[in-house]
Amino acid sequence: MDESSSFQSLCALLWRAVTRARKFPACKMTTFRMAVNCCQRFQPKLNPLYFGNAIQSIPTYASAGDALSNDRHWCAEQLNKKVKAHDDVMVRKYVEDWDCGVRV
């Protein structure tokens, strides 16, 4: 598995701190959303002259119990897994769902 980025570690710290501050029960499902740059995820790649943004918000889920009983590294790994899994297929699925009015 690739190592988590410093940004993902910071997000994990924030996710755990907010979860702790809200005093959720261990069974409560929590969500952390990250904006992901999709420009380099498309296959074939976007035209180099493409002018604009291509970002999507991807959710990572964990119960409050998991987020707090595991360390920050575990939360960062969960975020990293979601970012790595957000490939061309996922980008296109999000676009198709958005176009159909389905909110993910």
C-alpha atoms as a PDB file:
ATOM      1  CA  MET A   1       0.000   0.000   0.000  1.00  0.00           C
ATOM      2  CA  ASP A   2       1.236   3.492  -0.779  1.00  0.00           C
ATOM      3  CA  GLU A   3       2.102   5.690   2.133  1.00  0.00           C
ATOM      4  CA  SER A   4      -0.486   8.286   3.098  1.00  0.00           C
ATOM      5  CA  SER A   5       0.284  11.886   2.203  1.00  0.00           C
ATOM      6  CA  SER A   6       0.804  14.603   4.793  1.00  0.00           C
ATOM      7  CA  PHE A   7      -2.527  16.080   3.664  1.00  0.00           C
ATOM      8  CA  GLN A   8      -4.282  12.770   4.308  1.00  0.00           C
ATOM      9  CA  SER A   9      -2.642  12.604   7.750  1.00  0.00           C
ATOM     10  CA  LEU A  10      -3.879  16.108   8.523  1.00  0.00           C
ATOM     11  CA  CYS A  11      -7.376  15.174   7.324  1.00  0.00           C
ATOM     12  CA  ALA A  12      -7.275  12.060   9.531  1.00  0.00           C
ATOM     13  CA  LEU A  13      -6.359  14.219  12.526  1.00  0.00           C
ATOM     14  CA  LEU A  14      -9.270  16.543  11.757  1.00  0.00           C
ATOM     15  CA  TRP A  15     -11.689  13.637  11.208  1.00  0.00           C
ATOM     16  CA  ARG A  16     -10.807  12.081  14.561  1.00  0.00           C
ATOM     17  CA  ALA A  17     -10.903  15.427  16.417  1.00  0.00           C
ATOM     18  CA  VAL A  18     -14.347  16.351  15.084  1.00  0.00           C
ATOM     19  CA  THR A  19     -15.666  12.849  15.796  1.00  0.00           C
ATOM     20  CA  ARG A  20     -14.322  13.026  19.362  1.00  0.00           C
ATOM     21  CA  ALA A  21     -15.702  16.554  19.918  1.00  0.00           C
ATOM     22  CA  ARG A  22     -19.173  15.531  18.744  1.00  0.00           C
ATOM     23  CA  LYS A  23     -19.193  12.633  21.243  1.00  0.00           C
ATOM     24  CA  PHE A  24     -20.800  10.231  18.804  1.00  0.00           C
ATOM     25  CA  PRO A  25     -21.704   6.743  20.038  1.00  0.00           C
ATOM     26  CA  ALA A  26     -19.293   4.071  18.773  1.00  0.00           C
ATOM     27  CA  CYS A  27     -21.894   2.689  16.335  1.00  0.00           C
ATOM     28  CA  LYS A  28     -22.553   6.075  14.631  1.00  0.00           C
ATOM     29  CA  MET A  29     -21.295   6.102  11.041  1.00  0.00           C
ATOM     30  CA  THR A  30     -19.086   9.097  10.220  1.00  0.00           C
ATOM     31  CA  THR A  31     -18.057  10.468   6.835  1.00  0.00           C
ATOM     32  CA  PHE A  32     -15.043  12.477   5.733  1.00  0.00           C
ATOM     33  CA  ARG A  33     -15.149  13.984   2.243  1.00  0.00           C
ATOM     34  CA  MET A  34     -12.089  14.974   0.235  1.00  0.00           C
ATOM     35  CA  ALA A  35     -11.893  16.841  -3.063  1.00  0.00           C
ATOM     36  CA  VAL A  36      -9.983  14.773  -5.615  1.00  0.00           C
ATOM     37  CA  ASN A  37      -8.398  16.102  -8.801  1.00  0.00           C
ATOM     38  CA  CYS A  38      -9.743  14.002 -11.672  1.00  0.00           C
ATOM     39  CA  CYS A  39      -7.713  15.483 -14.544  1.00  0.00           C
ATOM     40  CA  GLN A  40      -5.063  12.738 -14.489  1.00  0.00           C
ATOM     41  CA  ARG A  41      -7.507   9.947 -13.644  1.00  0.00           C
ATOM     42  CA  PHE A  42      -9.372   9.943 -16.983  1.00  0.00           C
ATOM     43  CA  GLN A  43      -8.423   7.326 -19.573  1.00  0.00           C
ATOM     44  CA  PRO A  44      -7.656   8.573 -22.111  1.00  0.00           C
ATOM     45  CA  LYS A  45      -6.146  11.620 -20.438  1.00  0.00           C
ATOM     46  CA  LEU A  46      -7.794  14.994 -20.845  1.00  0.00           C
ATOM     47  CA  ASN A  47      -6.393  17.166 -23.609  1.00  0.00           C
ATOM     48  CA  PRO A  48      -3.372  19.136 -22.304  1.00  0.00           C
ATOM     49  CA  LEU A  49      -5.144  22.282 -23.514  1.00  0.00           C
ATOM     50  CA  TYR A  50      -8.179  21.522 -21.325  1.00  0.00           C
ATOM     51  CA  PHE A  51      -8.936  24.664 -19.347  1.00  0.00           C
ATOM     52  CA  GLY A  52     -10.950  24.164 -16.231  1.00  0.00           C
ATOM     53  CA  ASN A  53     -11.361  22.097 -13.124  1.00  0.00           C
ATOM     54  CA  ALA A  54     -12.182  18.446 -12.888  1.00  0.00           C
ATOM     55  CA  ILE A  55     -12.682  17.598  -9.230  1.00  0.00           C
ATOM     56  CA  GLN A  56     -15.004  15.313  -7.335  1.00  0.00           C
ATOM     57  CA  SER A  57     -15.834  14.965  -3.666  1.00  0.00           C
ATOM     58  CA  ILE A  58     -15.242  11.414  -2.473  1.00  0.00           C
ATOM     59  CA  PRO A  59     -16.557  10.086   0.851  1.00  0.00           C
ATOM     60  CA  THR A  60     -14.729   7.815   3.275  1.00  0.00           C
ATOM     61  CA  TYR A  61     -16.843   6.126   5.933  1.00  0.00           C
ATOM     62  CA  ALA A  62     -15.976   4.715   9.351  1.00  0.00           C
ATOM     63  CA  SER A  63     -17.895   4.193  12.544  1.00  0.00           C
ATOM     64  CA  ALA A  64     -17.046   6.629  15.325  1.00  0.00           C
ATOM     65  CA  GLY A  65     -15.745   3.657  17.287  1.00  0.00           C
ATOM     66  CA  ASP A  66     -13.335   2.660  14.508  1.00  0.00           C
ATOM     67  CA  ALA A  67     -12.187   6.239  13.917  1.00  0.00           C
ATOM     68  CA  LEU A  68     -11.421   6.767  17.601  1.00  0.00           C
ATOM     69  CA  SER A  69     -10.193   3.317  18.666  1.00  0.00           C
ATOM     70  CA  ASN A  70      -7.651   3.156  15.844  1.00  0.00           C
ATOM     71  CA  ASP A  71      -4.808   5.635  15.519  1.00  0.00           C
ATOM     72  CA  ARG A  72      -4.504   8.549  13.101  1.00  0.00           C
ATOM     73  CA  HIS A  73      -2.463   6.370  10.739  1.00  0.00           C
ATOM     74  CA  TRP A  74      -5.428   3.992  10.339  1.00  0.00           C
ATOM     75  CA  CYS A  75      -7.764   6.877   9.419  1.00  0.00           C
ATOM     76  CA  ALA A  76      -5.177   8.238   6.966  1.00  0.00           C
ATOM     77  CA  GLU A  77      -4.924   4.777   5.363  1.00  0.00           C
ATOM     78  CA  GLN A  78      -8.704   4.680   4.885  1.00  0.00           C
ATOM     79  CA  LEU A  79      -8.573   8.073   3.139  1.00  0.00           C
ATOM     80  CA  ASN A  80      -5.604   6.946   1.038  1.00  0.00           C
ATOM     81  CA  LYS A  81      -7.430   3.786  -0.080  1.00  0.00           C
ATOM     82  CA  LYS A  82     -10.398   5.834  -1.301  1.00  0.00           C
ATOM     83  CA  VAL A  83      -8.169   8.280  -3.197  1.00  0.00           C
ATOM     84  CA  LYS A  84      -6.201   5.453  -4.853  1.00  0.00           C
ATOM     85  CA  ALA A  85      -9.412   3.613  -5.787  1.00  0.00           C
ATOM     86  CA  HIS A  86     -10.860   6.711  -7.471  1.00  0.00           C
ATOM     87  CA  ASP A  87      -9.790   5.777 -10.994  1.00  0.00           C
ATOM     88  CA  ASP A  88     -11.258   6.371 -14.449  1.00  0.00           C
ATOM     89  CA  VAL A  89     -14.124   3.931 -13.810  1.00  0.00           C
ATOM     90  CA  MET A  90     -15.103   5.664 -10.561  1.00  0.00           C
ATOM     91  CA  VAL A  91     -14.796   9.152 -12.062  1.00  0.00           C
ATOM     92  CA  ARG A  92     -17.092   8.189 -14.928  1.00  0.00           C
ATOM     93  CA  LYS A  93     -19.552   6.506 -12.546  1.00  0.00           C
ATOM     94  CA  TYR A  94     -19.750   9.686 -10.445  1.00  0.00           C
ATOM     95  CA  VAL A  95     -20.347  11.757 -13.599  1.00  0.00           C
ATOM     96  CA  GLU A  96     -23.029   9.343 -14.832  1.00  0.00           C
ATOM     97  CA  ASP A  97     -24.761   9.301 -11.419  1.00  0.00           C
ATOM     98  CA  TRP A  98     -24.585  13.100 -11.238  1.00  0.00           C
ATOM     99  CA  ASP A  99     -26.050  13.391 -14.727  1.00  0.00           C
ATOM    100  CA  CYS A 100     -28.934  11.087 -13.709  1.00  0.00           C
ATOM    101  CA  GLY A 101     -29.612  13.128 -10.602  1.00  0.00           C
ATOM    102  CA  VAL A 102     -28.338  10.487  -8.149  1.00  0.00           C
ATOM    103  CA  ARG A 103     -26.420  12.100  -5.306  1.00  0.00           C
ATOM    104  CA  VAL A 104     -23.539  10.059  -3.894  1.00  0.00           C
END
